Amino acid sequence: MLRIISLNLNGIRAAWRKNVLPWLAAQEADVICLQELKAQTADLTPEMLAPKGLHACYHCAEKKGYSGVGIWCRQSPERVVSGFDGGEFDAEGRYLRADFGNLSVISLYLPSGSSSPERQAAKFRFLDAFFPQMQALRTEGREIVLCGDWNIAHREIDLKNWKSNQKNSGFLPEERAWLSRLFDELGWVDVYRRLYPAATGEAYTWWSNRGQAWAKNVGWRIDYQIATPGLAATAVAASVYKAGRFSDHAPLTIDYSFSADAD
């Protein structure tokens, strides 16, 4: 069994104070993908740099207190790749890849466009730059899963208030169509949706800090594990952990009956 967890920390130091490490350690995951570190390497404690029993690698943003992704894994990766194109978004620490046998796991953090028109424009630039990367990954002949905060709710069942959010970042028609192209044109698979095609409230992974969004489960499903068809077909179970909170996102765990050493 291969267990992969994805979690946007909204600050690794803040999540640490909320005891994210003991919870993650208890899950016995093979790979843990982290997003939005909001820290640079110099800010990370020895325990963050080397969690007990795990190998850790990070791709931090150049800007302090911003973005950044990480991967923790039980097995040391054969190869680690930071960034995907050497462009503006690599400086923001949004892409980290680890290879194990014939499996690649990528921790991914797409830009949010909700703060300003300028950031929405940047988000669209990211989508334009990243689609060819998704095409290239599909030609590698490897089993690949991209885990992270995609900052897009794909369908109406993926957020509570879809009608009132149709003109808001994260549910714009152009963003949703971009995700559809990944699935329909390139053959990538939304693993959670493959397992639970009709899930609604239990599938949400993010809640606004405004109002009582968490208490009322007014959420969005914007954290995904998107995989090659071969790997996705081996998924046997998925869950979103909501019994405790480490950030404004919830951890997404998926179990696969897959061996990275398989032919």
Protein backbone atom coordinates (compact mmCIF):
# COMPACT_ATOMS: atom_id res chain seq x y z
CA MET A 1 0.00 0.00 0.00
CA LEU A 2 1.18 3.48 -0.90
CA ARG A 3 -0.21 6.29 1.27
CA ILE A 4 0.17 9.90 0.10
CA ILE A 5 -0.98 12.96 2.05
CA SER A 6 -1.28 16.50 0.76
CA LEU A 7 -1.66 19.51 3.05
CA ASN A 8 -1.46 23.27 2.62
CA LEU A 9 0.04 24.39 5.93
CA ASN A 10 -0.65 28.13 5.62
CA GLY A 11 2.71 28.56 7.34
CA ILE A 12 4.83 25.63 8.52
CA ARG A 13 5.73 27.38 11.77
CA ALA A 14 2.09 28.12 12.58
CA ALA A 15 1.06 24.54 11.76
CA TRP A 16 3.90 23.24 13.92
CA ARG A 17 2.47 25.08 16.92
CA LYS A 18 -0.84 23.35 16.17
CA ASN A 19 0.88 19.94 16.46
CA VAL A 20 0.82 19.02 12.79
CA LEU A 21 3.94 16.87 13.17
CA PRO A 22 2.50 14.33 15.65
CA TRP A 23 -0.60 13.92 13.51
CA LEU A 24 1.36 13.44 10.29
CA ALA A 25 3.75 11.01 11.98
CA ALA A 26 0.82 8.91 13.20
CA GLN A 27 -0.56 8.52 9.66
CA GLU A 28 2.40 6.38 8.55
CA ALA A 29 2.32 7.93 5.09
CA ASP A 30 4.92 7.04 2.51
CA VAL A 31 4.95 10.54 1.02
CA ILE A 32 3.67 13.84 2.44
CA CYS A 33 3.33 16.85 0.15
CA LEU A 34 3.27 20.25 1.86
CA GLN A 35 2.36 23.65 0.44
CA GLU A 36 2.50 27.28 1.52
CA LEU A 37 5.46 26.95 3.87
CA LYS A 38 5.71 30.74 4.32
CA ALA A 39 9.30 30.19 5.37
CA GLN A 40 12.79 30.02 3.98
CA THR A 41 15.37 27.36 4.71
CA ALA A 42 17.00 29.48 7.42
CA ASP A 43 13.66 29.67 9.23
CA LEU A 44 13.25 25.90 9.47
CA THR A 45 14.13 24.15 12.72
CA PRO A 46 16.28 20.98 12.77
CA GLU A 47 13.11 18.97 13.34
CA MET A 48 11.50 20.51 10.27
CA LEU A 49 14.60 19.85 8.19
CA ALA A 50 14.79 16.22 9.35
CA PRO A 51 11.48 14.94 10.78
CA LYS A 52 12.04 11.71 12.67
CA GLY A 53 12.06 8.73 10.32
CA LEU A 54 11.53 10.87 7.23
CA HIS A 55 13.55 12.50 4.49
CA ALA A 56 12.59 16.14 3.85
CA CYS A 57 13.18 18.37 0.86
CA TYR A 58 11.90 21.89 0.28
CA HIS A 59 11.58 24.48 -2.45
CA CYS A 60 11.21 27.79 -0.67
CA ALA A 61 10.19 31.07 -2.25
CA GLU A 62 12.74 33.83 -2.64
CA LYS A 63 10.31 36.24 -0.99
CA LYS A 64 10.24 35.94 2.79
CA GLY A 65 7.14 34.54 4.42
CA TYR A 66 5.61 33.52 1.11
CA SER A 67 4.57 30.36 -0.73
CA GLY A 68 7.01 27.41 -0.78
CA VAL A 69 6.48 23.65 -1.05
CA GLY A 70 7.97 20.56 0.55
CA ILE A 71 7.99 16.77 0.39
CA TRP A 72 8.54 14.37 3.28
CA CYS A 73 9.08 10.72 2.45
CA ARG A 74 10.00 7.48 4.18
CA GLN A 75 12.25 6.38 1.33
CA SER A 76 15.03 8.64 0.13
CA PRO A 77 14.20 9.95 -3.36
CA GLU A 78 16.40 8.91 -6.25
CA ARG A 79 16.02 12.39 -7.74
CA VAL A 80 14.60 15.73 -6.61
CA VAL A 81 13.67 18.54 -9.02
CA SER A 82 12.82 22.07 -7.84
CA GLY A 83 10.83 24.20 -10.24
CA PHE A 84 9.49 23.44 -13.71
CA ASP A 85 10.52 26.15 -16.15
CA GLY A 86 12.96 28.58 -14.61
CA GLY A 87 10.42 31.37 -14.93
CA GLU A 88 8.73 33.75 -12.52
CA PHE A 89 6.89 31.03 -10.64
CA ASP A 90 9.97 28.98 -9.81
CA ALA A 91 11.11 31.96 -7.74
CA GLU A 92 7.87 31.62 -5.80
CA GLY A 93 8.59 28.01 -4.78
CA ARG A 94 5.55 26.30 -6.30
CA TYR A 95 6.81 22.97 -7.70
CA LEU A 96 8.87 20.19 -6.14
CA ARG A 97 9.26 16.71 -7.61
CA ALA A 98 10.63 13.53 -6.05
CA ASP A 99 11.26 10.31 -8.02
CA PHE A 100 11.04 6.81 -6.53
CA GLY A 101 11.51 3.92 -8.95
CA ASN A 102 8.85 4.36 -11.64
CA LEU A 103 6.84 6.79 -9.49
CA SER A 104 7.09 10.57 -9.35
CA VAL A 105 5.35 12.61 -6.65
CA ILE A 106 5.02 16.37 -7.12
CA SER A 107 4.06 18.91 -4.48
CA LEU A 108 2.30 21.77 -6.24
CA TYR A 109 0.96 25.15 -5.14
CA LEU A 110 -0.90 27.14 -7.76
CA PRO A 111 -1.19 30.90 -7.31
CA SER A 112 -4.32 32.38 -5.82
CA GLY A 113 -5.91 35.22 -7.72
CA SER A 114 -8.27 36.39 -5.00
CA SER A 115 -6.19 39.22 -3.56
CA SER A 116 -6.04 41.50 -6.61
CA PRO A 117 -6.50 41.69 -10.39
CA GLU A 118 -2.71 41.59 -10.67
CA ARG A 119 -2.53 38.25 -8.88
CA GLN A 120 -5.37 36.87 -11.00
CA ALA A 121 -3.39 37.87 -14.08
CA ALA A 122 -0.39 36.04 -12.59
CA LYS A 123 -2.56 33.00 -12.00
CA PHE A 124 -3.59 32.95 -15.64
CA ARG A 125 0.08 33.25 -16.64
CA PHE A 126 0.81 30.24 -14.45
CA LEU A 127 -1.94 28.21 -16.08
CA ASP A 128 -0.58 29.10 -19.53
CA ALA A 129 2.95 28.13 -18.51
CA PHE A 130 1.98 24.96 -16.66
CA PHE A 131 -0.25 23.30 -19.24
CA PRO A 132 2.76 22.39 -21.45
CA GLN A 133 4.44 20.98 -18.34
CA MET A 134 1.42 18.73 -17.73
CA GLN A 135 1.65 17.65 -21.37
CA ALA A 136 5.35 16.87 -21.00
CA LEU A 137 4.81 14.85 -17.84
CA ARG A 138 2.30 12.64 -19.64
CA THR A 139 4.93 11.73 -22.25
CA GLU A 140 7.46 10.43 -19.69
CA GLY A 141 5.90 6.98 -19.40
CA ARG A 142 6.08 7.11 -15.60
CA GLU A 143 3.35 6.98 -13.00
CA ILE A 144 3.01 10.51 -11.64
CA VAL A 145 0.82 12.22 -9.07
CA LEU A 146 0.63 15.97 -8.48
CA CYS A 147 -0.56 16.73 -4.96
CA GLY A 148 -1.44 20.12 -3.66
CA ASP A 149 -3.47 23.26 -3.53
CA TRP A 150 -4.67 23.89 -7.07
CA ASN A 151 -6.76 26.93 -6.01
CA ILE A 152 -9.55 25.91 -8.42
CA ALA A 153 -12.85 24.22 -7.62
CA HIS A 154 -13.61 22.19 -10.72
CA ARG A 155 -17.35 21.57 -10.59
CA GLU A 156 -20.43 22.91 -8.88
CA ILE A 157 -20.37 20.10 -6.31
CA ASP A 158 -16.86 21.16 -5.31
CA LEU A 159 -17.96 24.18 -3.30
CA LYS A 160 -20.92 25.10 -1.14
CA ASN A 161 -21.92 28.43 -2.70
CA TRP A 162 -21.17 27.88 -6.35
CA LYS A 163 -23.83 30.23 -7.70
CA SER A 164 -22.46 33.29 -5.90
CA ASN A 165 -18.83 32.44 -6.74
CA GLN A 166 -19.05 32.15 -10.52
CA LYS A 167 -17.23 35.46 -10.98
CA ASN A 168 -14.70 34.89 -8.19
CA SER A 169 -11.16 33.59 -8.46
CA GLY A 170 -11.06 29.86 -7.92
CA PHE A 171 -14.32 29.21 -9.74
CA LEU A 172 -13.96 31.28 -12.88
CA PRO A 173 -15.07 29.57 -16.10
CA GLU A 174 -11.57 29.90 -17.58
CA GLU A 175 -9.98 28.21 -14.55
CA ARG A 176 -12.49 25.38 -14.51
CA ALA A 177 -12.07 24.85 -18.26
CA TRP A 178 -8.30 24.62 -17.78
CA LEU A 179 -8.77 21.77 -15.29
CA SER A 180 -11.21 20.06 -17.65
CA ARG A 181 -8.55 20.15 -20.36
CA LEU A 182 -6.11 18.34 -18.08
CA PHE A 183 -8.64 15.57 -17.57
CA ASP A 184 -10.33 15.39 -20.97
CA GLU A 185 -7.48 16.22 -23.34
CA LEU A 186 -4.40 15.01 -21.49
CA GLY A 187 -5.93 12.08 -19.60
CA TRP A 188 -5.00 13.11 -16.07
CA VAL A 189 -7.30 11.75 -13.36
CA ASP A 190 -8.81 13.52 -10.33
CA VAL A 191 -8.24 10.62 -7.96
CA TYR A 192 -10.66 11.66 -5.22
CA ARG A 193 -13.44 12.13 -7.78
CA ARG A 194 -12.68 8.74 -9.31
CA LEU A 195 -13.34 7.17 -5.93
CA TYR A 196 -16.23 9.37 -4.82
CA PRO A 197 -17.93 10.92 -7.85
CA ALA A 198 -20.88 12.37 -5.93
CA ALA A 199 -19.24 13.52 -2.68
CA THR A 200 -20.04 17.09 -1.65
CA GLY A 201 -19.51 18.54 1.84
CA GLU A 202 -17.25 15.73 3.00
CA ALA A 203 -14.93 16.51 0.09
CA TYR A 204 -14.21 20.15 0.95
CA THR A 205 -10.60 20.90 1.83
CA TRP A 206 -10.57 24.67 2.41
CA TRP A 207 -12.71 27.12 4.36
CA SER A 208 -12.53 30.90 4.51
CA ASN A 209 -11.58 32.39 7.85
CA ARG A 210 -14.44 34.83 7.44
CA GLY A 211 -17.78 34.36 9.12
CA GLN A 212 -18.47 30.82 10.29
CA ALA A 213 -17.38 29.02 7.15
CA TRP A 214 -15.67 26.19 9.04
CA ALA A 215 -18.47 25.74 11.58
CA LYS A 216 -21.11 25.68 8.84
CA ASN A 217 -18.94 23.69 6.39
CA VAL A 218 -19.14 26.41 3.76
CA GLY A 219 -16.10 25.06 2.00
CA TRP A 220 -14.33 24.47 -1.28
CA ARG A 221 -12.57 21.40 -2.68
CA ILE A 222 -9.39 22.91 -4.09
CA ASP A 223 -6.76 20.41 -2.89
CA TYR A 224 -6.29 17.48 -5.25
CA GLN A 225 -4.17 14.47 -6.05
CA ILE A 226 -4.16 14.40 -9.85
CA ALA A 227 -2.51 11.29 -11.28
CA THR A 228 -1.68 9.35 -14.40
CA PRO A 229 -4.40 6.81 -15.24
CA GLY A 230 -2.35 3.78 -14.23
CA LEU A 231 -1.66 5.09 -10.75
CA ALA A 232 -5.17 6.50 -10.32
CA ALA A 233 -6.66 3.10 -11.11
CA THR A 234 -4.93 1.64 -8.05
CA ALA A 235 -6.49 4.14 -5.59
CA VAL A 236 -8.54 2.29 -3.00
CA ALA A 237 -9.55 4.94 -0.44
CA ALA A 238 -9.39 8.67 0.21
CA SER A 239 -10.26 10.88 3.15
CA VAL A 240 -10.23 14.51 4.23
CA TYR A 241 -9.26 14.92 7.89
CA LYS A 242 -11.49 17.36 9.77
CA ALA A 243 -11.31 16.22 13.39
CA GLY A 244 -8.52 18.72 14.04
CA ARG A 245 -7.26 21.85 12.28
CA PHE A 246 -3.68 22.69 11.37
CA SER A 247 -4.47 25.48 8.88
CA ASP A 248 -7.36 26.79 6.80
CA HIS A 249 -6.93 23.65 4.65
CA ALA A 250 -7.54 20.03 5.63
CA PRO A 251 -5.19 17.14 4.84
CA LEU A 252 -6.15 14.95 1.89
CA THR A 253 -5.04 11.31 2.25
CA ILE A 254 -5.22 8.75 -0.55
CA ASP A 255 -4.17 5.10 -0.39
CA TYR A 256 -2.98 3.32 -3.53
CA SER A 257 -2.34 -0.39 -4.02
CA PHE A 258 0.83 0.44 -5.89
CA SER A 259 4.51 -0.39 -5.62
CA ALA A 260 6.99 2.20 -6.87
CA ASP A 261 9.32 -0.60 -7.89
CA ALA A 262 6.75 -2.30 -10.12
CA ASP A 263 7.44 -2.61 -13.84
